[in-house]
Amino acid sequence: MSAAAFRAGTVAVIGRPNVGKSTLVNALVGAKISIVSPKAQTTRHRLLGIATFAEGQLLLVDTPGIHGRQKNAMNRYMNRAARGAIVDVQAAMLVVEAGRWTEDDGLAYAALREAKLPCVLVVNKVDKFADKSALLPFIAEVTREREFAAVHPVSALKNKGNEALVKTLLSLMPESEPMYGEDEITDRSERFLAGELVREQLMLRLGEELPYSATVEIERFEEDGEMLRIAAVVWVEREGQKPIVIGKGGERLKAISSGARIGMEKLFGRKVFLETWCRVREGWSDDEAALRRFGYSE
């Protein structure tokens, strides 16, 4: 018997905020390319993760969470980025949180049905349930009168259930040569990933509201022999937010910079010298021109 044909294609990863889409993409790729935090809407950009297996290659489009709230230009941008991800893909994963279905989950499902894509329901965070059979009524409710190509309970965080999910996704892909090299994991530049790693630390270390008023711009990204020299600016919207980011004696900004540098060195595989500043641009998150300057473009 001949070996099974290699398959390759693109899968949109869709869902409301904070259901674990980025954690799932990182787990399938086998490397951290998407930043994660417990806060909703950590992912702001559409990002391609390249997951290569012996049987095929999946191009996973990680997206911001689809949500009904569109209070400013940033929220509108994130919804457009998420909905734009379902163009020119072969299939989609609708990622939901085990035991919880909300109005925003319904919005995400409606967008996929409108696109007429094969859709795999991924029920994430099942590790929170000691008795997995307790999920059966939830899955029955979600799948009633909704059409899915398959249903996969997984724990992205603990890498459980992913093998069966990959097998299903590859079955939905066309026969094809690999689209990227085996060692490639994303189409984004190291400069972009550096900015995201700084922003991840902001999400992890600051309060509930401030991270959404902050963004990161990489002003300098230079190779110096085996070292990378990187200069990053944390932009906030009001002067009063700067002391919150900087902290007493600059301690919080130092901690943000240190955490980001460690993440960069692990991802890039080399030493990093990182300088970080905090500056103000009034109302940047509701300013279309500022969003484009800071890289929020589709």
Protein backbone atom coordinates (compact mmCIF):
# COMPACT_ATOMS: atom_id res chain seq x y z
CA MET A 1 0.00 0.00 0.00
CA SER A 2 1.21 3.50 -0.78
CA ALA A 3 1.71 6.01 2.01
CA ALA A 4 -1.15 8.43 2.69
CA ALA A 5 -0.90 11.66 0.72
CA PHE A 6 0.48 14.73 2.47
CA ARG A 7 -2.21 17.31 3.22
CA ALA A 8 -1.88 21.03 3.89
CA GLY A 9 -4.21 23.95 4.34
CA THR A 10 -5.37 26.84 6.46
CA VAL A 11 -7.60 26.69 9.54
CA ALA A 12 -9.16 29.76 11.17
CA VAL A 13 -9.19 29.59 14.98
CA ILE A 14 -12.33 31.45 16.02
CA GLY A 15 -14.09 32.07 19.33
CA ARG A 16 -15.00 34.67 21.90
CA PRO A 17 -12.26 36.25 24.05
CA ASN A 18 -10.42 34.19 26.66
CA VAL A 19 -11.44 30.66 25.62
CA GLY A 20 -7.82 29.57 25.04
CA LYS A 21 -7.39 30.02 21.28
CA SER A 22 -3.78 31.21 21.55
CA THR A 23 -2.86 28.49 24.05
CA LEU A 24 -4.27 25.91 21.62
CA VAL A 25 -2.34 27.35 18.66
CA ASN A 26 0.90 27.34 20.68
CA ALA A 27 0.30 23.73 21.71
CA LEU A 28 -0.32 22.57 18.14
CA VAL A 29 2.66 24.52 16.75
CA GLY A 30 4.90 23.29 19.56
CA ALA A 31 6.29 26.76 20.29
CA LYS A 32 5.04 29.97 21.87
CA ILE A 33 4.15 32.31 19.03
CA SER A 34 0.95 33.79 20.48
CA ILE A 35 1.04 35.60 23.80
CA VAL A 36 -1.31 34.45 26.54
CA SER A 37 -2.69 35.88 29.77
CA PRO A 38 -5.77 35.36 31.94
CA LYS A 39 -7.21 38.64 30.64
CA ALA A 40 -9.72 38.70 27.79
CA GLN A 41 -8.66 40.19 24.45
CA THR A 42 -4.96 39.54 25.00
CA THR A 43 -4.74 38.67 21.29
CA ARG A 44 -5.17 41.78 19.16
CA HIS A 45 -3.68 40.70 15.82
CA ARG A 46 -4.36 37.96 13.33
CA LEU A 47 -1.32 35.67 13.50
CA LEU A 48 -0.33 32.57 11.53
CA GLY A 49 1.00 29.53 13.37
CA ILE A 50 2.60 26.79 11.26
CA ALA A 51 2.14 23.28 12.63
CA THR A 52 3.96 20.58 10.66
CA PHE A 53 3.38 16.86 11.17
CA ALA A 54 4.46 13.72 9.33
CA GLU A 55 1.03 13.54 7.67
CA GLY A 56 0.57 17.18 6.77
CA GLN A 57 0.82 20.86 7.63
CA LEU A 58 -1.78 23.09 9.29
CA LEU A 59 -1.62 26.86 8.93
CA LEU A 60 -3.48 28.03 12.04
CA VAL A 61 -4.83 31.58 11.95
CA ASP A 62 -5.03 32.77 15.57
CA THR A 63 -7.48 35.64 15.91
CA PRO A 64 -8.75 38.20 18.41
CA GLY A 65 -11.91 37.06 20.15
CA ILE A 66 -15.19 37.93 18.43
CA HIS A 67 -17.31 40.03 20.77
CA GLY A 68 -20.39 42.21 20.58
CA ARG A 69 -18.85 45.17 22.42
CA GLN A 70 -17.40 47.70 19.95
CA LYS A 71 -16.77 50.73 22.13
CA ASN A 72 -13.78 52.13 20.23
CA ALA A 73 -11.63 51.79 17.11
CA MET A 74 -9.49 49.06 18.72
CA ASN A 75 -12.54 46.85 19.40
CA ARG A 76 -13.79 47.39 15.85
CA TYR A 77 -10.35 46.53 14.46
CA MET A 78 -10.20 43.28 16.47
CA ASN A 79 -13.63 42.18 15.26
CA ARG A 80 -12.66 42.93 11.65
CA ALA A 81 -9.42 40.99 12.08
CA ALA A 82 -11.28 37.98 13.50
CA ARG A 83 -13.95 37.98 10.82
CA GLY A 84 -11.37 38.54 8.07
CA ALA A 85 -9.58 35.35 9.13
CA ILE A 86 -12.35 33.18 7.71
CA VAL A 87 -11.63 34.27 4.15
CA ASP A 88 -9.57 31.87 1.98
CA VAL A 89 -9.34 29.09 4.57
CA GLN A 90 -10.26 25.43 4.20
CA ALA A 91 -11.85 24.94 7.64
CA ALA A 92 -12.35 26.54 11.02
CA MET A 93 -12.19 25.63 14.67
CA LEU A 94 -14.80 27.18 16.93
CA VAL A 95 -13.13 27.14 20.34
CA VAL A 96 -15.47 27.33 23.34
CA GLU A 97 -14.98 26.99 27.09
CA ALA A 98 -16.16 23.69 28.56
CA GLY A 99 -19.47 24.16 30.33
CA ARG A 100 -20.08 27.74 29.17
CA TRP A 101 -21.84 29.05 26.04
CA THR A 102 -22.46 32.81 25.75
CA GLU A 103 -23.96 35.28 23.31
CA ASP A 104 -20.47 35.96 21.92
CA ASP A 105 -20.02 32.23 21.22
CA GLY A 106 -23.21 32.49 19.20
CA LEU A 107 -21.80 35.48 17.27
CA ALA A 108 -18.67 33.47 16.41
CA TYR A 109 -20.72 30.46 15.26
CA ALA A 110 -22.98 32.69 13.12
CA ALA A 111 -19.93 34.18 11.36
CA LEU A 112 -18.67 30.68 10.51
CA ARG A 113 -22.06 29.48 9.26
CA GLU A 114 -22.32 32.55 7.04
CA ALA A 115 -18.92 31.66 5.55
CA LYS A 116 -20.14 28.09 4.88
CA LEU A 117 -16.91 26.58 6.25
CA PRO A 118 -16.43 23.07 7.65
CA CYS A 119 -16.36 23.80 11.36
CA VAL A 120 -14.85 21.69 14.14
CA LEU A 121 -16.16 22.39 17.62
CA VAL A 122 -13.27 22.43 20.11
CA VAL A 123 -14.43 22.26 23.73
CA ASN A 124 -11.41 23.58 25.62
CA LYS A 125 -10.46 23.59 29.33
CA VAL A 126 -11.92 20.13 29.97
CA ASP A 127 -9.19 19.61 32.60
CA LYS A 128 -11.41 21.66 34.94
CA PHE A 129 -13.89 18.78 35.00
CA ALA A 130 -12.87 15.74 37.08
CA ASP A 131 -15.83 13.81 35.67
CA LYS A 132 -15.68 14.28 31.89
CA SER A 133 -19.14 12.70 31.49
CA ALA A 134 -20.53 15.84 33.14
CA LEU A 135 -19.74 17.63 29.84
CA LEU A 136 -22.06 15.45 27.77
CA PRO A 137 -25.22 17.52 28.43
CA PHE A 138 -23.30 20.72 27.56
CA ILE A 139 -22.02 19.25 24.28
CA ALA A 140 -25.50 17.95 23.43
CA GLU A 141 -26.98 21.41 24.03
CA VAL A 142 -24.34 23.23 21.97
CA THR A 143 -24.59 20.83 19.01
CA ARG A 144 -28.40 20.76 18.93
CA GLU A 145 -29.52 22.58 15.77
CA ARG A 146 -25.92 23.57 15.02
CA GLU A 147 -23.79 21.86 12.40
CA PHE A 148 -20.22 20.75 13.13
CA ALA A 149 -17.85 18.52 11.15
CA ALA A 150 -16.60 17.03 14.43
CA VAL A 151 -16.48 17.71 18.17
CA HIS A 152 -13.22 17.50 20.14
CA PRO A 153 -12.93 18.00 23.91
CA VAL A 154 -9.37 19.15 24.68
CA SER A 155 -7.17 20.75 27.28
CA ALA A 156 -4.88 23.08 25.33
CA LEU A 157 -3.01 23.97 28.51
CA LYS A 158 -2.20 20.32 29.30
CA ASN A 159 -1.92 19.23 25.65
CA LYS A 160 -4.70 16.64 26.01
CA GLY A 161 -6.85 15.59 23.06
CA ASN A 162 -4.74 17.42 20.50
CA GLU A 163 -3.65 14.35 18.49
CA ALA A 164 -7.23 13.41 17.61
CA LEU A 165 -7.98 17.06 16.78
CA VAL A 166 -5.01 17.27 14.41
CA LYS A 167 -6.12 14.07 12.65
CA THR A 168 -9.57 15.53 12.03
CA LEU A 169 -8.24 18.87 10.82
CA LEU A 170 -5.81 17.23 8.39
CA SER A 171 -8.66 15.13 6.98
CA LEU A 172 -10.39 18.40 6.01
CA MET A 173 -7.33 19.72 4.16
CA PRO A 174 -6.60 19.11 0.47
CA GLU A 175 -3.69 17.02 -0.75
CA SER A 176 -0.79 19.44 -1.09
CA GLU A 177 2.92 19.95 -0.76
CA PRO A 178 4.03 21.76 2.43
CA MET A 179 3.54 25.52 2.15
CA TYR A 180 6.32 26.35 4.62
CA GLY A 181 9.58 24.75 5.70
CA GLU A 182 9.51 22.19 8.49
CA ASP A 183 11.38 24.55 10.86
CA GLU A 184 9.11 27.57 10.25
CA ILE A 185 6.56 28.28 12.97
CA THR A 186 5.01 31.66 12.01
CA ASP A 187 4.91 34.22 9.22
CA ARG A 188 5.45 37.09 11.67
CA SER A 189 8.83 38.78 12.11
CA GLU A 190 10.97 38.61 15.23
CA ARG A 191 10.42 42.36 15.58
CA PHE A 192 6.64 41.83 15.79
CA LEU A 193 7.02 38.94 18.25
CA ALA A 194 9.30 41.07 20.46
CA GLY A 195 6.60 43.72 20.77
CA GLU A 196 4.01 41.09 21.62
CA LEU A 197 6.20 39.64 24.39
CA VAL A 198 6.50 43.07 26.01
CA ARG A 199 2.73 43.52 25.76
CA GLU A 200 2.20 40.09 27.32
CA GLN A 201 4.07 41.26 30.41
CA LEU A 202 1.84 44.33 30.58
CA MET A 203 -1.22 42.07 30.51
CA LEU A 204 0.21 39.83 33.22
CA ARG A 205 1.56 42.48 35.60
CA LEU A 206 -0.92 45.36 35.49
CA GLY A 207 -4.51 45.75 36.70
CA GLU A 208 -7.70 44.90 34.90
CA GLU A 209 -8.15 48.12 32.91
CA LEU A 210 -4.73 49.56 32.13
CA PRO A 211 -3.47 46.83 29.75
CA TYR A 212 -6.27 47.75 27.33
CA SER A 213 -5.05 51.35 27.31
CA ALA A 214 -1.48 50.30 26.52
CA THR A 215 0.30 49.12 23.41
CA VAL A 216 3.92 48.50 22.46
CA GLU A 217 6.03 49.85 19.60
CA ILE A 218 9.48 48.46 18.77
CA GLU A 219 11.63 51.47 17.89
CA ARG A 220 14.87 49.58 17.30
CA PHE A 221 15.64 45.95 16.48
CA GLU A 222 19.29 45.38 15.60
CA GLU A 223 21.66 42.43 15.45
CA ASP A 224 24.96 42.99 17.27
CA GLY A 225 26.97 39.86 16.65
CA GLU A 226 25.19 37.09 18.55
CA MET A 227 23.08 39.59 20.50
CA LEU A 228 19.84 41.37 19.65
CA ARG A 229 19.54 45.00 20.75
CA ILE A 230 15.90 46.00 21.07
CA ALA A 231 14.27 49.28 22.13
CA ALA A 232 10.58 49.17 23.04
CA VAL A 233 8.11 51.93 23.89
CA VAL A 234 5.02 51.27 25.98
CA TRP A 235 2.37 53.76 24.87
CA VAL A 236 -0.47 54.70 27.23
CA GLU A 237 -3.41 57.04 26.73
CA ARG A 238 -3.13 59.42 29.69
CA GLU A 239 -0.29 61.03 31.63
CA GLY A 240 -1.64 59.57 34.87
CA GLN A 241 -1.13 56.05 33.53
CA LYS A 242 2.64 56.40 33.18
CA PRO A 243 3.42 56.04 36.92
CA ILE A 244 1.34 52.85 36.99
CA VAL A 245 3.45 51.30 34.24
CA ILE A 246 6.76 52.58 35.59
CA GLY A 247 6.15 51.83 39.27
CA LYS A 248 8.02 53.14 42.28
CA GLY A 249 11.63 53.77 41.36
CA GLY A 250 10.97 52.21 37.94
CA GLU A 251 10.60 48.74 39.48
CA ARG A 252 7.48 47.69 37.59
CA LEU A 253 8.84 48.71 34.17
CA LYS A 254 12.07 46.87 35.00
CA ALA A 255 10.07 43.74 35.85
CA ILE A 256 8.07 44.04 32.60
CA SER A 257 11.30 44.44 30.64
CA SER A 258 13.01 41.54 32.42
CA GLY A 259 10.08 39.18 31.84
CA ALA A 260 9.88 40.14 28.18
CA ARG A 261 13.65 39.73 27.70
CA ILE A 262 13.56 36.21 29.14
CA GLY A 263 10.71 35.32 26.77
CA MET A 264 12.60 36.76 23.79
CA GLU A 265 15.80 34.87 24.59
CA LYS A 266 13.85 31.62 24.83
CA LEU A 267 11.98 32.22 21.56
CA PHE A 268 14.87 33.67 19.53
CA GLY A 269 17.57 31.42 20.95
CA ARG A 270 20.07 34.21 21.64
CA LYS A 271 20.99 36.93 24.12
CA VAL A 272 18.82 40.04 24.11
CA PHE A 273 19.60 43.55 25.39
CA LEU A 274 16.21 45.25 25.89
CA GLU A 275 15.56 48.89 26.73
CA THR A 276 11.99 49.95 27.55
CA TRP A 277 10.34 53.37 27.95
CA CYS A 278 6.80 54.56 28.66
CA ARG A 279 5.25 57.45 26.73
CA VAL A 280 1.81 59.01 26.27
CA ARG A 281 -0.34 59.35 23.15
CA GLU A 282 -3.77 60.65 24.11
CA GLY A 283 -6.66 58.41 23.05
CA TRP A 284 -4.60 56.17 20.77
CA SER A 285 -7.03 53.22 21.03
CA ASP A 286 -9.82 55.24 19.38
CA ASP A 287 -7.58 56.87 16.75
CA GLU A 288 -7.45 55.03 13.40
CA ALA A 289 -4.19 56.74 12.38
CA ALA A 290 -2.51 55.80 15.67
CA LEU A 291 -3.70 52.21 15.31
CA ARG A 292 -2.10 51.98 11.85
CA ARG A 293 1.14 53.46 13.19
CA PHE A 294 1.23 50.86 15.95
CA GLY A 295 0.74 48.01 13.47
CA TYR A 296 -3.01 47.41 13.80
CA SER A 297 -3.76 46.93 10.12
CA GLU A 298 -5.50 44.10 8.32
